[in-house]
Amino acid sequence: MKKLGQIAFFIFAIGVALFLYKRYRVAPDVNPLLIEVLDQNGEVKTLGELHQGTMLVNFYASWCGPCMSEMPDLQKGSLNAKGIQFIGLTDDTPERIQQVKDHFGITYPIYKLATTLKENDVYSIPTTYAFKDGVEIMNYLGPKDWSDEQLLEQLTSGQAIK
């Protein structure tokens, strides 16, 4: 009986580990065209209504140190990337979004999510996706140098990056 209890506990522990891995270390499946954000007038729009083509979509929060550390690279990448729309998504307040934009000199659009990061199944930040015509070509959890010229060339060409 003791052996059966140990096996049950082992199976339970594996299940918990897989759940936590999937939630916190695997980028969730998202459809960028359906993500609801607030536009500059405070109206709910889908990202697809506001942007088309190749997009680099970065989920972040202002309280997240790694998110803030990659902001300069995101800004630099947005200026150097031809044909890629950089977009920030957060559930921060509009005032906090403006503070971040001012502090880092961000010129690409940052939208407040109509819901929360968690309601969009984003549990680990920063999480960044690249989409070409609504099809995911890359996702990445954690900070990255988004100004890397080779990476930007790959994204511009629309080739899937693993």
C-alpha atoms as a PDB file:
ATOM      1  CA  MET A   1       0.000   0.000   0.000  1.00  0.00           C
ATOM      2  CA  LYS A   2       2.888   2.323   0.811  1.00  0.00           C
ATOM      3  CA  LYS A   3       4.337   1.704  -2.656  1.00  0.00           C
ATOM      4  CA  LEU A   4       0.997   2.643  -4.270  1.00  0.00           C
ATOM      5  CA  GLY A   5       0.957   5.928  -2.306  1.00  0.00           C
ATOM      6  CA  GLN A   6       4.461   6.744  -3.497  1.00  0.00           C
ATOM      7  CA  ILE A   7       3.508   6.063  -7.118  1.00  0.00           C
ATOM      8  CA  ALA A   8       0.387   8.239  -6.785  1.00  0.00           C
ATOM      9  CA  PHE A   9       2.446  11.055  -5.281  1.00  0.00           C
ATOM     10  CA  PHE A  10       5.038  10.746  -8.054  1.00  0.00           C
ATOM     11  CA  ILE A  11       2.348  10.946 -10.756  1.00  0.00           C
ATOM     12  CA  PHE A  12       0.764  13.952  -9.004  1.00  0.00           C
ATOM     13  CA  ALA A  13       4.144  15.710  -8.762  1.00  0.00           C
ATOM     14  CA  ILE A  14       4.813  15.121 -12.472  1.00  0.00           C
ATOM     15  CA  GLY A  15       1.390  16.559 -13.311  1.00  0.00           C
ATOM     16  CA  VAL A  16       2.017  19.676 -11.224  1.00  0.00           C
ATOM     17  CA  ALA A  17       5.460  20.124 -12.780  1.00  0.00           C
ATOM     18  CA  LEU A  18       4.043  19.861 -16.311  1.00  0.00           C
ATOM     19  CA  PHE A  19       1.260  22.327 -15.483  1.00  0.00           C
ATOM     20  CA  LEU A  20       3.713  24.859 -14.072  1.00  0.00           C
ATOM     21  CA  TYR A  21       6.116  24.414 -16.978  1.00  0.00           C
ATOM     22  CA  LYS A  22       3.343  24.940 -19.534  1.00  0.00           C
ATOM     23  CA  ARG A  23       1.995  27.988 -17.719  1.00  0.00           C
ATOM     24  CA  TYR A  24       5.248  29.769 -16.924  1.00  0.00           C
ATOM     25  CA  ARG A  25       7.877  28.569 -19.422  1.00  0.00           C
ATOM     26  CA  VAL A  26       5.933  28.070 -22.647  1.00  0.00           C
ATOM     27  CA  ALA A  27       4.506  31.026 -24.543  1.00  0.00           C
ATOM     28  CA  PRO A  28       0.731  30.674 -24.789  1.00  0.00           C
ATOM     29  CA  ASP A  29      -0.995  30.407 -28.140  1.00  0.00           C
ATOM     30  CA  VAL A  30      -2.390  33.827 -29.002  1.00  0.00           C
ATOM     31  CA  ASN A  31      -4.160  35.201 -32.007  1.00  0.00           C
ATOM     32  CA  PRO A  32      -2.795  38.738 -32.381  1.00  0.00           C
ATOM     33  CA  LEU A  33      -5.690  39.813 -34.538  1.00  0.00           C
ATOM     34  CA  LEU A  34      -8.146  39.096 -31.705  1.00  0.00           C
ATOM     35  CA  ILE A  35      -6.281  40.639 -28.766  1.00  0.00           C
ATOM     36  CA  GLU A  36      -8.461  43.427 -27.386  1.00  0.00           C
ATOM     37  CA  VAL A  37      -6.790  46.717 -26.534  1.00  0.00           C
ATOM     38  CA  LEU A  38      -7.882  50.254 -25.769  1.00  0.00           C
ATOM     39  CA  ASP A  39      -7.143  52.691 -28.584  1.00  0.00           C
ATOM     40  CA  GLN A  40      -6.112  56.323 -28.009  1.00  0.00           C
ATOM     41  CA  ASN A  41      -9.803  57.226 -27.503  1.00  0.00           C
ATOM     42  CA  GLY A  42     -10.281  54.519 -24.876  1.00  0.00           C
ATOM     43  CA  GLU A  43     -12.409  52.389 -27.197  1.00  0.00           C
ATOM     44  CA  VAL A  44     -11.970  48.622 -27.282  1.00  0.00           C
ATOM     45  CA  LYS A  45     -10.454  47.495 -30.586  1.00  0.00           C
ATOM     46  CA  THR A  46      -8.760  44.324 -31.676  1.00  0.00           C
ATOM     47  CA  LEU A  47      -5.109  44.494 -32.566  1.00  0.00           C
ATOM     48  CA  GLY A  48      -6.136  43.271 -36.020  1.00  0.00           C
ATOM     49  CA  GLU A  49      -8.265  46.381 -36.488  1.00  0.00           C
ATOM     50  CA  LEU A  50      -5.283  48.585 -35.679  1.00  0.00           C
ATOM     51  CA  HIS A  51      -2.378  46.738 -37.323  1.00  0.00           C
ATOM     52  CA  GLN A  52      -1.748  44.272 -40.148  1.00  0.00           C
ATOM     53  CA  GLY A  53       1.371  42.779 -41.725  1.00  0.00           C
ATOM     54  CA  THR A  54       4.479  41.845 -39.755  1.00  0.00           C
ATOM     55  CA  MET A  55       4.250  42.678 -36.047  1.00  0.00           C
ATOM     56  CA  LEU A  56       6.564  42.220 -33.097  1.00  0.00           C
ATOM     57  CA  VAL A  57       4.215  42.146 -30.099  1.00  0.00           C
ATOM     58  CA  ASN A  58       5.787  42.536 -26.663  1.00  0.00           C
ATOM     59  CA  PHE A  59       3.774  41.823 -23.495  1.00  0.00           C
ATOM     60  CA  TYR A  60       5.301  43.613 -20.508  1.00  0.00           C
ATOM     61  CA  ALA A  61       4.606  45.310 -17.162  1.00  0.00           C
ATOM     62  CA  SER A  62       6.297  48.401 -15.764  1.00  0.00           C
ATOM     63  CA  TRP A  63       7.048  46.662 -12.455  1.00  0.00           C
ATOM     64  CA  CYS A  64       9.008  43.922 -14.279  1.00  0.00           C
ATOM     65  CA  GLY A  65      12.770  44.575 -14.208  1.00  0.00           C
ATOM     66  CA  PRO A  66      13.629  42.339 -17.206  1.00  0.00           C
ATOM     67  CA  CYS A  67      10.814  44.007 -19.182  1.00  0.00           C
ATOM     68  CA  MET A  68      12.249  47.453 -18.505  1.00  0.00           C
ATOM     69  CA  SER A  69      15.800  46.293 -19.294  1.00  0.00           C
ATOM     70  CA  GLU A  70      14.795  45.352 -22.854  1.00  0.00           C
ATOM     71  CA  MET A  71      12.910  48.601 -23.585  1.00  0.00           C
ATOM     72  CA  PRO A  72      15.957  50.402 -25.065  1.00  0.00           C
ATOM     73  CA  ASP A  73      16.580  47.454 -27.425  1.00  0.00           C
ATOM     74  CA  LEU A  74      12.918  47.374 -28.433  1.00  0.00           C
ATOM     75  CA  GLN A  75      13.022  51.088 -29.226  1.00  0.00           C
ATOM     76  CA  LYS A  76      16.260  50.756 -31.192  1.00  0.00           C
ATOM     77  CA  GLY A  77      14.900  47.736 -33.060  1.00  0.00           C
ATOM     78  CA  SER A  78      11.690  49.581 -33.902  1.00  0.00           C
ATOM     79  CA  LEU A  79      13.716  52.336 -35.552  1.00  0.00           C
ATOM     80  CA  ASN A  80      15.960  49.946 -37.508  1.00  0.00           C
ATOM     81  CA  ALA A  81      13.417  47.321 -38.555  1.00  0.00           C
ATOM     82  CA  LYS A  82      11.948  47.934 -41.958  1.00  0.00           C
ATOM     83  CA  GLY A  83       8.500  46.501 -42.455  1.00  0.00           C
ATOM     84  CA  ILE A  84       8.055  45.328 -38.854  1.00  0.00           C
ATOM     85  CA  GLN A  85       5.581  47.069 -36.576  1.00  0.00           C
ATOM     86  CA  PHE A  86       6.724  46.984 -32.964  1.00  0.00           C
ATOM     87  CA  ILE A  87       3.802  46.978 -30.514  1.00  0.00           C
ATOM     88  CA  GLY A  88       3.794  46.985 -26.718  1.00  0.00           C
ATOM     89  CA  LEU A  89       0.920  45.454 -24.734  1.00  0.00           C
ATOM     90  CA  THR A  90       0.407  45.848 -21.000  1.00  0.00           C
ATOM     91  CA  ASP A  91      -2.272  46.063 -18.365  1.00  0.00           C
ATOM     92  CA  ASP A  92      -0.573  49.070 -16.740  1.00  0.00           C
ATOM     93  CA  THR A  93      -2.548  52.286 -16.300  1.00  0.00           C
ATOM     94  CA  PRO A  94      -2.484  54.827 -19.152  1.00  0.00           C
ATOM     95  CA  GLU A  95      -0.455  57.152 -16.913  1.00  0.00           C
ATOM     96  CA  ARG A  96       2.146  54.471 -16.244  1.00  0.00           C
ATOM     97  CA  ILE A  97       2.301  53.620 -19.966  1.00  0.00           C
ATOM     98  CA  GLN A  98       3.077  57.267 -20.716  1.00  0.00           C
ATOM     99  CA  GLN A  99       5.757  57.357 -18.004  1.00  0.00           C
ATOM    100  CA  VAL A 100       7.477  54.322 -19.545  1.00  0.00           C
ATOM    101  CA  LYS A 101       7.250  55.830 -23.041  1.00  0.00           C
ATOM    102  CA  ASP A 102       8.701  59.127 -21.804  1.00  0.00           C
ATOM    103  CA  HIS A 103      11.465  57.500 -19.751  1.00  0.00           C
ATOM    104  CA  PHE A 104      12.709  55.301 -22.590  1.00  0.00           C
ATOM    105  CA  GLY A 105      11.801  57.595 -25.501  1.00  0.00           C
ATOM    106  CA  ILE A 106       9.471  54.929 -26.942  1.00  0.00           C
ATOM    107  CA  THR A 107       7.996  55.924 -30.291  1.00  0.00           C
ATOM    108  CA  TYR A 108       6.223  52.686 -31.216  1.00  0.00           C
ATOM    109  CA  PRO A 109       2.626  52.201 -30.028  1.00  0.00           C
ATOM    110  CA  ILE A 110       1.979  50.759 -26.594  1.00  0.00           C
ATOM    111  CA  TYR A 111      -1.589  49.740 -25.881  1.00  0.00           C
ATOM    112  CA  LYS A 112      -3.378  49.036 -22.650  1.00  0.00           C
ATOM    113  CA  LEU A 113      -4.971  45.613 -22.806  1.00  0.00           C
ATOM    114  CA  ALA A 114      -8.759  45.671 -22.476  1.00  0.00           C
ATOM    115  CA  THR A 115      -8.319  42.850 -19.938  1.00  0.00           C
ATOM    116  CA  THR A 116      -5.334  41.689 -17.895  1.00  0.00           C
ATOM    117  CA  LEU A 117      -2.166  39.875 -18.890  1.00  0.00           C
ATOM    118  CA  LYS A 118      -3.435  36.753 -17.104  1.00  0.00           C
ATOM    119  CA  GLU A 119      -6.782  36.914 -18.901  1.00  0.00           C
ATOM    120  CA  ASN A 120      -4.717  36.762 -22.117  1.00  0.00           C
ATOM    121  CA  ASP A 121      -2.935  33.659 -20.706  1.00  0.00           C
ATOM    122  CA  VAL A 122       0.327  35.599 -20.332  1.00  0.00           C
ATOM    123  CA  TYR A 123       1.870  34.502 -17.034  1.00  0.00           C
ATOM    124  CA  SER A 124       5.566  35.099 -17.749  1.00  0.00           C
ATOM    125  CA  ILE A 125       6.848  38.469 -18.889  1.00  0.00           C
ATOM    126  CA  PRO A 126       8.355  39.752 -20.969  1.00  0.00           C
ATOM    127  CA  THR A 127       6.788  37.547 -23.628  1.00  0.00           C
ATOM    128  CA  THR A 128       7.307  38.565 -27.237  1.00  0.00           C
ATOM    129  CA  TYR A 129       5.796  37.268 -30.442  1.00  0.00           C
ATOM    130  CA  ALA A 130       6.396  37.965 -34.104  1.00  0.00           C
ATOM    131  CA  PHE A 131       3.492  37.552 -36.493  1.00  0.00           C
ATOM    132  CA  LYS A 132       3.305  37.825 -40.254  1.00  0.00           C
ATOM    133  CA  ASP A 133      -0.225  38.345 -41.522  1.00  0.00           C
ATOM    134  CA  GLY A 134      -1.637  36.889 -38.304  1.00  0.00           C
ATOM    135  CA  VAL A 135       0.544  33.765 -38.352  1.00  0.00           C
ATOM    136  CA  GLU A 136       3.036  33.317 -35.522  1.00  0.00           C
ATOM    137  CA  ILE A 137       6.607  33.086 -36.795  1.00  0.00           C
ATOM    138  CA  MET A 138       8.343  33.362 -33.413  1.00  0.00           C
ATOM    139  CA  ASN A 139       7.752  33.567 -29.676  1.00  0.00           C
ATOM    140  CA  TYR A 140      10.209  34.236 -26.909  1.00  0.00           C
ATOM    141  CA  LEU A 141       9.929  34.364 -23.121  1.00  0.00           C
ATOM    142  CA  GLY A 142      12.315  36.675 -21.309  1.00  0.00           C
ATOM    143  CA  PRO A 143      14.356  39.694 -22.353  1.00  0.00           C
ATOM    144  CA  LYS A 144      16.178  39.689 -25.682  1.00  0.00           C
ATOM    145  CA  ASP A 145      18.165  42.121 -27.794  1.00  0.00           C
ATOM    146  CA  TRP A 146      15.429  43.105 -30.243  1.00  0.00           C
ATOM    147  CA  SER A 147      17.817  45.461 -32.029  1.00  0.00           C
ATOM    148  CA  ASP A 148      19.995  42.578 -33.295  1.00  0.00           C
ATOM    149  CA  GLU A 149      20.329  43.130 -37.059  1.00  0.00           C
ATOM    150  CA  GLN A 150      20.381  39.431 -37.968  1.00  0.00           C
ATOM    151  CA  LEU A 151      17.222  38.778 -35.943  1.00  0.00           C
ATOM    152  CA  LEU A 152      15.480  41.770 -37.556  1.00  0.00           C
ATOM    153  CA  GLU A 153      16.424  40.509 -41.020  1.00  0.00           C
ATOM    154  CA  GLN A 154      14.940  37.097 -40.228  1.00  0.00           C
ATOM    155  CA  LEU A 155      11.744  38.706 -38.959  1.00  0.00           C
ATOM    156  CA  THR A 156      11.518  41.010 -41.984  1.00  0.00           C
ATOM    157  CA  SER A 157      11.780  38.034 -44.321  1.00  0.00           C
ATOM    158  CA  GLY A 158       8.908  36.392 -42.422  1.00  0.00           C
ATOM    159  CA  GLN A 159      10.743  33.124 -41.884  1.00  0.00           C
ATOM    160  CA  ALA A 160       9.757  31.147 -38.802  1.00  0.00           C
ATOM    161  CA  ILE A 161      12.323  31.406 -36.023  1.00  0.00           C
ATOM    162  CA  LYS A 162      12.593  28.645 -33.462  1.00  0.00           C
END
